[in-house]
Amino acid sequence: MAFGKVSLTLSISNLAMTFISAVSLVLFPLLKRSNKKHFKNTYINLRTITLVFLFLFLFLYYPISVILPLWLPKYAQSLTYLSVLFPICFYEGKFELLTNTFMKSLRLESKLLMINCISVALSLFFILLDISAFHSLNFMVFSIIIVLAFRSSLGEGLVSHKLNVPFIRSILGENLMVALFVGVTWNQTLQVSLISYAIAFVIYLWTNKNGLQKSIKNLRRIAKEN
């Protein structure tokens, strides 16, 4: 019964991740061929654009929430967990497109292994905690997002430190946006949730509009130079 509640949601998230992984496979050889002196600027620019794209990607939750109950009414209960598990696409997408790709390009495979091992250990901790204390499906669902957020933030921090790029403000901002998305979709109606997240997204775009415009111009210039 518990598996049935989240299996469809996980399948939707995995389908989205297939597309994102395909993009990362294209990005890696491009970085390997690019000039190392551009890595810092390329990372900053790609991070800015990727975050906007992934925040925009979360809007897919709303049409899915409308279409899914009409198409598969028996799985309507899965929507309860879709709002929590859908951000899997955000954290996994950012990790694949940025952290994983740049760590391999910078020859940081050992640190990448360390991040994955710590994440597995944290996952086991949450599993044992739930088995011994909570016995709650909700706890396990939320723990998935916590582990992925930790993995993504740790990876971004290591890459940013290696490239000497400020990262604290970016990590706090993206986690705040995801927390807001989960909060409003978990507790509010679909209409209120959509309006709330749309307002937050517009504010995010407005506060980062200069950086976004600059990043697009810089990537175009770097692409021409390479």
C-alpha atoms as a PDB file:
ATOM      1  CA  MET A   1       0.000   0.000   0.000  1.00  0.00           C
ATOM      2  CA  ALA A   2       2.770   2.436   0.947  1.00  0.00           C
ATOM      3  CA  PHE A   3       4.747   1.605  -2.187  1.00  0.00           C
ATOM      4  CA  GLY A   4       1.710   2.190  -4.346  1.00  0.00           C
ATOM      5  CA  LYS A   5       1.271   5.697  -2.957  1.00  0.00           C
ATOM      6  CA  VAL A   6       4.720   6.861  -4.034  1.00  0.00           C
ATOM      7  CA  SER A   7       5.614   4.566  -6.949  1.00  0.00           C
ATOM      8  CA  LEU A   8       3.831   6.627  -9.601  1.00  0.00           C
ATOM      9  CA  THR A   9       5.375   9.833  -8.262  1.00  0.00           C
ATOM     10  CA  LEU A  10       8.847   8.298  -8.350  1.00  0.00           C
ATOM     11  CA  SER A  11       8.227   7.083 -11.897  1.00  0.00           C
ATOM     12  CA  ILE A  12       7.302  10.596 -13.041  1.00  0.00           C
ATOM     13  CA  SER A  13      10.399  12.026 -11.366  1.00  0.00           C
ATOM     14  CA  ASN A  14      12.630   9.352 -12.916  1.00  0.00           C
ATOM     15  CA  LEU A  15      11.199  10.072 -16.355  1.00  0.00           C
ATOM     16  CA  ALA A  16      12.119  13.724 -15.988  1.00  0.00           C
ATOM     17  CA  MET A  17      15.587  12.770 -14.741  1.00  0.00           C
ATOM     18  CA  THR A  18      16.200  10.716 -17.891  1.00  0.00           C
ATOM     19  CA  PHE A  19      15.961  13.892 -19.939  1.00  0.00           C
ATOM     20  CA  ILE A  20      18.194  15.863 -17.563  1.00  0.00           C
ATOM     21  CA  SER A  21      20.833  13.099 -17.523  1.00  0.00           C
ATOM     22  CA  ALA A  22      20.902  13.148 -21.321  1.00  0.00           C
ATOM     23  CA  VAL A  23      21.687  16.869 -21.233  1.00  0.00           C
ATOM     24  CA  SER A  24      24.536  16.305 -18.757  1.00  0.00           C
ATOM     25  CA  LEU A  25      26.054  13.686 -21.081  1.00  0.00           C
ATOM     26  CA  VAL A  26      26.289  16.339 -23.785  1.00  0.00           C
ATOM     27  CA  LEU A  27      27.667  18.965 -21.405  1.00  0.00           C
ATOM     28  CA  PHE A  28      30.598  16.905 -20.080  1.00  0.00           C
ATOM     29  CA  PRO A  29      32.560  16.521 -23.353  1.00  0.00           C
ATOM     30  CA  LEU A  30      31.996  20.205 -24.099  1.00  0.00           C
ATOM     31  CA  LEU A  31      33.603  21.131 -20.778  1.00  0.00           C
ATOM     32  CA  LYS A  32      36.496  18.739 -21.354  1.00  0.00           C
ATOM     33  CA  ARG A  33      37.287  20.490 -24.624  1.00  0.00           C
ATOM     34  CA  SER A  34      36.891  23.999 -23.245  1.00  0.00           C
ATOM     35  CA  ASN A  35      39.722  26.167 -21.958  1.00  0.00           C
ATOM     36  CA  LYS A  36      40.355  25.661 -18.230  1.00  0.00           C
ATOM     37  CA  LYS A  37      40.660  29.398 -17.697  1.00  0.00           C
ATOM     38  CA  HIS A  38      36.955  29.712 -18.529  1.00  0.00           C
ATOM     39  CA  PHE A  39      35.826  27.108 -15.966  1.00  0.00           C
ATOM     40  CA  LYS A  40      35.040  29.614 -13.225  1.00  0.00           C
ATOM     41  CA  ASN A  41      32.941  31.910 -15.413  1.00  0.00           C
ATOM     42  CA  THR A  42      31.341  28.962 -17.182  1.00  0.00           C
ATOM     43  CA  TYR A  43      30.308  27.458 -13.838  1.00  0.00           C
ATOM     44  CA  ILE A  44      28.851  30.733 -12.550  1.00  0.00           C
ATOM     45  CA  ASN A  45      26.934  31.295 -15.767  1.00  0.00           C
ATOM     46  CA  LEU A  46      25.670  27.720 -16.039  1.00  0.00           C
ATOM     47  CA  ARG A  47      24.629  27.709 -12.382  1.00  0.00           C
ATOM     48  CA  THR A  48      22.594  30.868 -12.824  1.00  0.00           C
ATOM     49  CA  ILE A  49      20.812  29.605 -15.937  1.00  0.00           C
ATOM     50  CA  THR A  50      20.355  26.053 -14.608  1.00  0.00           C
ATOM     51  CA  LEU A  51      18.696  27.238 -11.410  1.00  0.00           C
ATOM     52  CA  VAL A  52      16.204  29.363 -13.342  1.00  0.00           C
ATOM     53  CA  PHE A  53      15.461  26.459 -15.686  1.00  0.00           C
ATOM     54  CA  LEU A  54      14.936  24.018 -12.799  1.00  0.00           C
ATOM     55  CA  PHE A  55      12.726  26.427 -10.852  1.00  0.00           C
ATOM     56  CA  LEU A  56      10.691  26.844 -14.024  1.00  0.00           C
ATOM     57  CA  PHE A  57      10.606  23.057 -14.391  1.00  0.00           C
ATOM     58  CA  LEU A  58       8.802  22.761 -11.042  1.00  0.00           C
ATOM     59  CA  PHE A  59       5.781  24.460 -12.616  1.00  0.00           C
ATOM     60  CA  LEU A  60       5.100  21.140 -14.394  1.00  0.00           C
ATOM     61  CA  TYR A  61       3.742  19.942 -11.068  1.00  0.00           C
ATOM     62  CA  TYR A  62       0.558  21.964 -11.600  1.00  0.00           C
ATOM     63  CA  PRO A  63      -0.635  20.600 -14.978  1.00  0.00           C
ATOM     64  CA  ILE A  64       0.318  17.085 -13.816  1.00  0.00           C
ATOM     65  CA  SER A  65      -1.796  17.601 -10.690  1.00  0.00           C
ATOM     66  CA  VAL A  66      -4.777  18.468 -12.883  1.00  0.00           C
ATOM     67  CA  ILE A  67      -4.313  15.843 -15.605  1.00  0.00           C
ATOM     68  CA  LEU A  68      -3.289  12.856 -13.482  1.00  0.00           C
ATOM     69  CA  PRO A  69      -6.556  12.487 -11.471  1.00  0.00           C
ATOM     70  CA  LEU A  70      -8.545  12.702 -14.710  1.00  0.00           C
ATOM     71  CA  TRP A  71      -6.380  10.165 -16.507  1.00  0.00           C
ATOM     72  CA  LEU A  72      -5.687   7.806 -13.580  1.00  0.00           C
ATOM     73  CA  PRO A  73      -8.289   8.476 -10.881  1.00  0.00           C
ATOM     74  CA  LYS A  74      -7.137   5.502  -8.789  1.00  0.00           C
ATOM     75  CA  TYR A  75      -3.734   7.169  -8.386  1.00  0.00           C
ATOM     76  CA  ALA A  76      -5.107  10.516  -7.244  1.00  0.00           C
ATOM     77  CA  GLN A  77      -3.775   9.871  -3.748  1.00  0.00           C
ATOM     78  CA  SER A  78      -0.254   9.872  -5.179  1.00  0.00           C
ATOM     79  CA  LEU A  79      -0.600  13.628  -5.626  1.00  0.00           C
ATOM     80  CA  THR A  80      -0.187  13.973  -1.876  1.00  0.00           C
ATOM     81  CA  TYR A  81       3.453  12.957  -2.247  1.00  0.00           C
ATOM     82  CA  LEU A  82       4.050  14.440  -5.691  1.00  0.00           C
ATOM     83  CA  SER A  83       4.525  17.887  -4.133  1.00  0.00           C
ATOM     84  CA  VAL A  84       7.342  16.536  -1.950  1.00  0.00           C
ATOM     85  CA  LEU A  85       8.989  14.145  -4.379  1.00  0.00           C
ATOM     86  CA  PHE A  86       8.769  16.332  -7.484  1.00  0.00           C
ATOM     87  CA  PRO A  87      11.672  18.501  -6.220  1.00  0.00           C
ATOM     88  CA  ILE A  88      13.780  15.355  -6.688  1.00  0.00           C
ATOM     89  CA  CYS A  89      14.059  16.615 -10.259  1.00  0.00           C
ATOM     90  CA  PHE A  90      15.424  19.920  -9.003  1.00  0.00           C
ATOM     91  CA  TYR A  91      18.175  18.546  -6.760  1.00  0.00           C
ATOM     92  CA  GLU A  92      19.107  15.608  -8.979  1.00  0.00           C
ATOM     93  CA  GLY A  93      19.019  17.833 -12.053  1.00  0.00           C
ATOM     94  CA  LYS A  94      21.337  20.395 -10.473  1.00  0.00           C
ATOM     95  CA  PHE A  95      23.666  17.672  -9.236  1.00  0.00           C
ATOM     96  CA  GLU A  96      23.868  15.998 -12.646  1.00  0.00           C
ATOM     97  CA  LEU A  97      24.160  19.168 -14.719  1.00  0.00           C
ATOM     98  CA  LEU A  98      26.550  21.071 -12.462  1.00  0.00           C
ATOM     99  CA  THR A  99      28.194  19.170  -9.609  1.00  0.00           C
ATOM    100  CA  ASN A 100      28.718  15.806 -11.280  1.00  0.00           C
ATOM    101  CA  THR A 101      29.835  17.313 -14.583  1.00  0.00           C
ATOM    102  CA  PHE A 102      32.251  19.855 -13.125  1.00  0.00           C
ATOM    103  CA  MET A 103      33.697  17.437 -10.559  1.00  0.00           C
ATOM    104  CA  LYS A 104      34.598  15.008 -13.337  1.00  0.00           C
ATOM    105  CA  SER A 105      36.039  17.820 -15.442  1.00  0.00           C
ATOM    106  CA  LEU A 106      38.098  19.081 -12.474  1.00  0.00           C
ATOM    107  CA  ARG A 107      39.250  15.541 -11.605  1.00  0.00           C
ATOM    108  CA  LEU A 108      37.471  15.519  -8.239  1.00  0.00           C
ATOM    109  CA  GLU A 109      36.145  11.970  -8.523  1.00  0.00           C
ATOM    110  CA  SER A 110      37.374  11.081  -5.032  1.00  0.00           C
ATOM    111  CA  LYS A 111      35.324  13.898  -3.498  1.00  0.00           C
ATOM    112  CA  LEU A 112      32.360  12.887  -5.635  1.00  0.00           C
ATOM    113  CA  LEU A 113      32.641   9.388  -4.180  1.00  0.00           C
ATOM    114  CA  MET A 114      32.847  10.874  -0.681  1.00  0.00           C
ATOM    115  CA  ILE A 115      29.658  12.884  -1.245  1.00  0.00           C
ATOM    116  CA  ASN A 116      27.774   9.816  -2.455  1.00  0.00           C
ATOM    117  CA  CYS A 117      29.016   7.691   0.457  1.00  0.00           C
ATOM    118  CA  ILE A 118      27.974  10.318   3.013  1.00  0.00           C
ATOM    119  CA  SER A 119      24.562  10.564   1.326  1.00  0.00           C
ATOM    120  CA  VAL A 120      24.096   6.783   1.487  1.00  0.00           C
ATOM    121  CA  ALA A 121      25.057   6.816   5.176  1.00  0.00           C
ATOM    122  CA  LEU A 122      22.570   9.623   5.840  1.00  0.00           C
ATOM    123  CA  SER A 123      19.862   7.694   4.008  1.00  0.00           C
ATOM    124  CA  LEU A 124      20.530   4.608   6.120  1.00  0.00           C
ATOM    125  CA  PHE A 125      20.334   6.757   9.252  1.00  0.00           C
ATOM    126  CA  PHE A 126      16.888   8.050   8.286  1.00  0.00           C
ATOM    127  CA  ILE A 127      15.697   4.531   7.404  1.00  0.00           C
ATOM    128  CA  LEU A 128      16.806   3.128  10.740  1.00  0.00           C
ATOM    129  CA  LEU A 129      15.327   6.116  12.560  1.00  0.00           C
ATOM    130  CA  ASP A 130      11.970   5.612  10.865  1.00  0.00           C
ATOM    131  CA  ILE A 131      11.953   1.868  11.498  1.00  0.00           C
ATOM    132  CA  SER A 132      12.849   2.242  15.168  1.00  0.00           C
ATOM    133  CA  ALA A 133      10.902   5.371  16.092  1.00  0.00           C
ATOM    134  CA  PHE A 134       8.474   6.977  13.654  1.00  0.00           C
ATOM    135  CA  HIS A 135       7.038   4.246  11.383  1.00  0.00           C
ATOM    136  CA  SER A 136       5.865   7.055   9.113  1.00  0.00           C
ATOM    137  CA  LEU A 137       5.692   7.154   5.319  1.00  0.00           C
ATOM    138  CA  ASN A 138       5.599  10.947   5.477  1.00  0.00           C
ATOM    139  CA  PHE A 139       8.874  10.971   7.403  1.00  0.00           C
ATOM    140  CA  MET A 140      10.574   8.776   4.785  1.00  0.00           C
ATOM    141  CA  VAL A 141       9.262  10.866   1.900  1.00  0.00           C
ATOM    142  CA  PHE A 142      10.544  14.088   3.442  1.00  0.00           C
ATOM    143  CA  SER A 143      13.855  12.414   4.312  1.00  0.00           C
ATOM    144  CA  ILE A 144      14.451  11.748   0.597  1.00  0.00           C
ATOM    145  CA  ILE A 145      14.350  15.478  -0.114  1.00  0.00           C
ATOM    146  CA  ILE A 146      16.542  16.249   2.900  1.00  0.00           C
ATOM    147  CA  VAL A 147      19.219  13.798   1.731  1.00  0.00           C
ATOM    148  CA  LEU A 148      19.140  15.109  -1.837  1.00  0.00           C
ATOM    149  CA  ALA A 149      19.281  18.723  -0.635  1.00  0.00           C
ATOM    150  CA  PHE A 150      22.294  17.873   1.535  1.00  0.00           C
ATOM    151  CA  ARG A 151      24.020  16.031  -1.332  1.00  0.00           C
ATOM    152  CA  SER A 152      23.373  18.830  -3.791  1.00  0.00           C
ATOM    153  CA  SER A 153      24.462  21.593  -1.389  1.00  0.00           C
ATOM    154  CA  LEU A 154      27.630  19.758  -0.323  1.00  0.00           C
ATOM    155  CA  GLY A 155      28.591  19.090  -3.931  1.00  0.00           C
ATOM    156  CA  GLU A 156      27.947  22.676  -4.962  1.00  0.00           C
ATOM    157  CA  GLY A 157      29.987  23.903  -2.019  1.00  0.00           C
ATOM    158  CA  LEU A 158      32.999  21.749  -2.938  1.00  0.00           C
ATOM    159  CA  VAL A 159      32.950  22.733  -6.608  1.00  0.00           C
ATOM    160  CA  SER A 160      32.464  26.415  -5.775  1.00  0.00           C
ATOM    161  CA  HIS A 161      35.324  26.287  -3.256  1.00  0.00           C
ATOM    162  CA  LYS A 162      37.592  24.666  -5.853  1.00  0.00           C
ATOM    163  CA  LEU A 163      36.759  27.403  -8.382  1.00  0.00           C
ATOM    164  CA  ASN A 164      36.804  30.161  -5.747  1.00  0.00           C
ATOM    165  CA  VAL A 165      33.162  31.058  -6.400  1.00  0.00           C
ATOM    166  CA  PRO A 166      30.828  32.462  -3.687  1.00  0.00           C
ATOM    167  CA  PHE A 167      28.157  29.877  -2.998  1.00  0.00           C
ATOM    168  CA  ILE A 168      26.428  30.425   0.358  1.00  0.00           C
ATOM    169  CA  ARG A 169      23.866  32.926  -0.970  1.00  0.00           C
ATOM    170  CA  SER A 170      23.057  30.684  -3.927  1.00  0.00           C
ATOM    171  CA  ILE A 171      22.601  27.563  -1.784  1.00  0.00           C
ATOM    172  CA  LEU A 172      20.404  29.368   0.732  1.00  0.00           C
ATOM    173  CA  GLY A 173      18.305  30.912  -2.044  1.00  0.00           C
ATOM    174  CA  GLU A 174      17.674  27.665  -3.919  1.00  0.00           C
ATOM    175  CA  ASN A 175      16.855  25.681  -0.770  1.00  0.00           C
ATOM    176  CA  LEU A 176      14.487  28.422   0.346  1.00  0.00           C
ATOM    177  CA  MET A 177      12.694  28.308  -3.015  1.00  0.00           C
ATOM    178  CA  VAL A 178      12.337  24.525  -2.867  1.00  0.00           C
ATOM    179  CA  ALA A 179      11.148  24.671   0.756  1.00  0.00           C
ATOM    180  CA  LEU A 180       8.555  27.266  -0.247  1.00  0.00           C
ATOM    181  CA  PHE A 181       7.402  25.089  -3.157  1.00  0.00           C
ATOM    182  CA  VAL A 182       7.021  22.036  -0.925  1.00  0.00           C
ATOM    183  CA  GLY A 183       5.343  24.072   1.806  1.00  0.00           C
ATOM    184  CA  VAL A 184       2.688  25.681  -0.370  1.00  0.00           C
ATOM    185  CA  THR A 185       1.949  22.559  -2.439  1.00  0.00           C
ATOM    186  CA  TRP A 186       1.709  20.347   0.671  1.00  0.00           C
ATOM    187  CA  ASN A 187      -0.515  22.636   2.750  1.00  0.00           C
ATOM    188  CA  GLN A 188      -2.456  24.813   0.287  1.00  0.00           C
ATOM    189  CA  THR A 189      -4.954  24.339  -2.527  1.00  0.00           C
ATOM    190  CA  LEU A 190      -3.635  24.044  -6.070  1.00  0.00           C
ATOM    191  CA  GLN A 191      -4.699  27.604  -6.947  1.00  0.00           C
ATOM    192  CA  VAL A 192      -3.134  29.190  -3.862  1.00  0.00           C
ATOM    193  CA  SER A 193      -0.010  27.093  -4.329  1.00  0.00           C
ATOM    194  CA  LEU A 194       0.380  28.130  -7.972  1.00  0.00           C
ATOM    195  CA  ILE A 195      -0.061  31.827  -7.196  1.00  0.00           C
ATOM    196  CA  SER A 196       2.325  31.678  -4.229  1.00  0.00           C
ATOM    197  CA  TYR A 197       5.074  29.862  -6.124  1.00  0.00           C
ATOM    198  CA  ALA A 198       4.614  32.054  -9.203  1.00  0.00           C
ATOM    199  CA  ILE A 199       5.061  35.189  -7.072  1.00  0.00           C
ATOM    200  CA  ALA A 200       8.192  33.696  -5.477  1.00  0.00           C
ATOM    201  CA  PHE A 201       9.564  32.770  -8.914  1.00  0.00           C
ATOM    202  CA  VAL A 202       8.964  36.262 -10.307  1.00  0.00           C
ATOM    203  CA  ILE A 203      10.698  37.776  -7.270  1.00  0.00           C
ATOM    204  CA  TYR A 204      13.625  35.383  -7.796  1.00  0.00           C
ATOM    205  CA  LEU A 205      13.872  36.376 -11.457  1.00  0.00           C
ATOM    206  CA  TRP A 206      13.686  40.067 -10.596  1.00  0.00           C
ATOM    207  CA  THR A 207      16.428  39.884  -7.977  1.00  0.00           C
ATOM    208  CA  ASN A 208      18.665  37.863 -10.307  1.00  0.00           C
ATOM    209  CA  LYS A 209      17.793  39.480 -13.642  1.00  0.00           C
ATOM    210  CA  ASN A 210      21.150  41.225 -14.048  1.00  0.00           C
ATOM    211  CA  GLY A 211      23.088  38.053 -13.325  1.00  0.00           C
ATOM    212  CA  LEU A 212      20.873  36.045 -15.672  1.00  0.00           C
ATOM    213  CA  GLN A 213      21.309  38.490 -18.553  1.00  0.00           C
ATOM    214  CA  LYS A 214      25.057  38.608 -17.946  1.00  0.00           C
ATOM    215  CA  SER A 215      25.288  34.816 -17.811  1.00  0.00           C
ATOM    216  CA  ILE A 216      23.489  34.376 -21.138  1.00  0.00           C
ATOM    217  CA  LYS A 217      25.814  36.898 -22.818  1.00  0.00           C
ATOM    218  CA  ASN A 218      28.927  35.334 -21.287  1.00  0.00           C
ATOM    219  CA  LEU A 219      28.001  31.799 -22.346  1.00  0.00           C
ATOM    220  CA  ARG A 220      27.450  32.984 -25.890  1.00  0.00           C
ATOM    221  CA  ARG A 221      30.861  34.668 -25.888  1.00  0.00           C
ATOM    222  CA  ILE A 222      32.635  31.644 -24.407  1.00  0.00           C
ATOM    223  CA  ALA A 223      30.931  29.354 -26.924  1.00  0.00           C
ATOM    224  CA  LYS A 224      32.231  31.513 -29.782  1.00  0.00           C
ATOM    225  CA  GLU A 225      35.766  31.539 -28.366  1.00  0.00           C
ATOM    226  CA  ASN A 226      35.785  27.757 -28.102  1.00  0.00           C
END
